[in-house]
Amino acid sequence: MTSTAEESSMAHVLALRLVEINYADM
C-alpha cells in the first residue's frame, strides 16, 4: 500500500496524455 502516490501520479500523467491527444485530434 506504499505505491498509492506512485499510482496516482501515473494516472495523472496518463490523463494529461489523453487530454493532449484529444486536443491534437481537434
C-alpha atoms as a PDB file:
ATOM      1  CA  MET A   1       0.000   0.000   0.000  1.00  0.00           C
ATOM      2  CA  THR A   2       3.022   2.255  -0.359  1.00  0.00           C
ATOM      3  CA  SER A   3       2.614   2.730  -4.114  1.00  0.00           C
ATOM      4  CA  THR A   4      -0.581   4.791  -3.862  1.00  0.00           C
ATOM      5  CA  ALA A   5       1.255   8.051  -4.556  1.00  0.00           C
ATOM      6  CA  GLU A   6       3.072   6.452  -7.489  1.00  0.00           C
ATOM      7  CA  GLU A   7      -0.157   5.101  -8.971  1.00  0.00           C
ATOM      8  CA  SER A   8      -1.933   8.429  -8.560  1.00  0.00           C
ATOM      9  CA  SER A   9       0.920  10.281 -10.260  1.00  0.00           C
ATOM     10  CA  MET A  10       0.938   7.780 -13.130  1.00  0.00           C
ATOM     11  CA  ALA A  11      -2.831   8.139 -13.533  1.00  0.00           C
ATOM     12  CA  HIS A  12      -2.413  11.930 -13.597  1.00  0.00           C
ATOM     13  CA  VAL A  13       0.239  11.696 -16.329  1.00  0.00           C
ATOM     14  CA  LEU A  14      -1.947   9.335 -18.354  1.00  0.00           C
ATOM     15  CA  ALA A  15      -4.887  11.716 -18.029  1.00  0.00           C
ATOM     16  CA  LEU A  16      -2.738  14.611 -19.249  1.00  0.00           C
ATOM     17  CA  ARG A  17      -1.576  12.490 -22.199  1.00  0.00           C
ATOM     18  CA  LEU A  18      -5.194  11.717 -23.114  1.00  0.00           C
ATOM     19  CA  VAL A  19      -6.097  15.409 -22.949  1.00  0.00           C
ATOM     20  CA  GLU A  20      -3.160  16.304 -25.184  1.00  0.00           C
ATOM     21  CA  ILE A  21      -4.169  13.636 -27.719  1.00  0.00           C
ATOM     22  CA  ASN A  22      -7.786  14.852 -27.699  1.00  0.00           C
ATOM     23  CA  TYR A  23      -6.676  18.439 -28.348  1.00  0.00           C
ATOM     24  CA  ALA A  24      -4.322  17.288 -31.100  1.00  0.00           C
ATOM     25  CA  ASP A  25      -7.178  15.447 -32.820  1.00  0.00           C
ATOM     26  CA  MET A  26      -9.284  18.603 -32.962  1.00  0.00           C
END
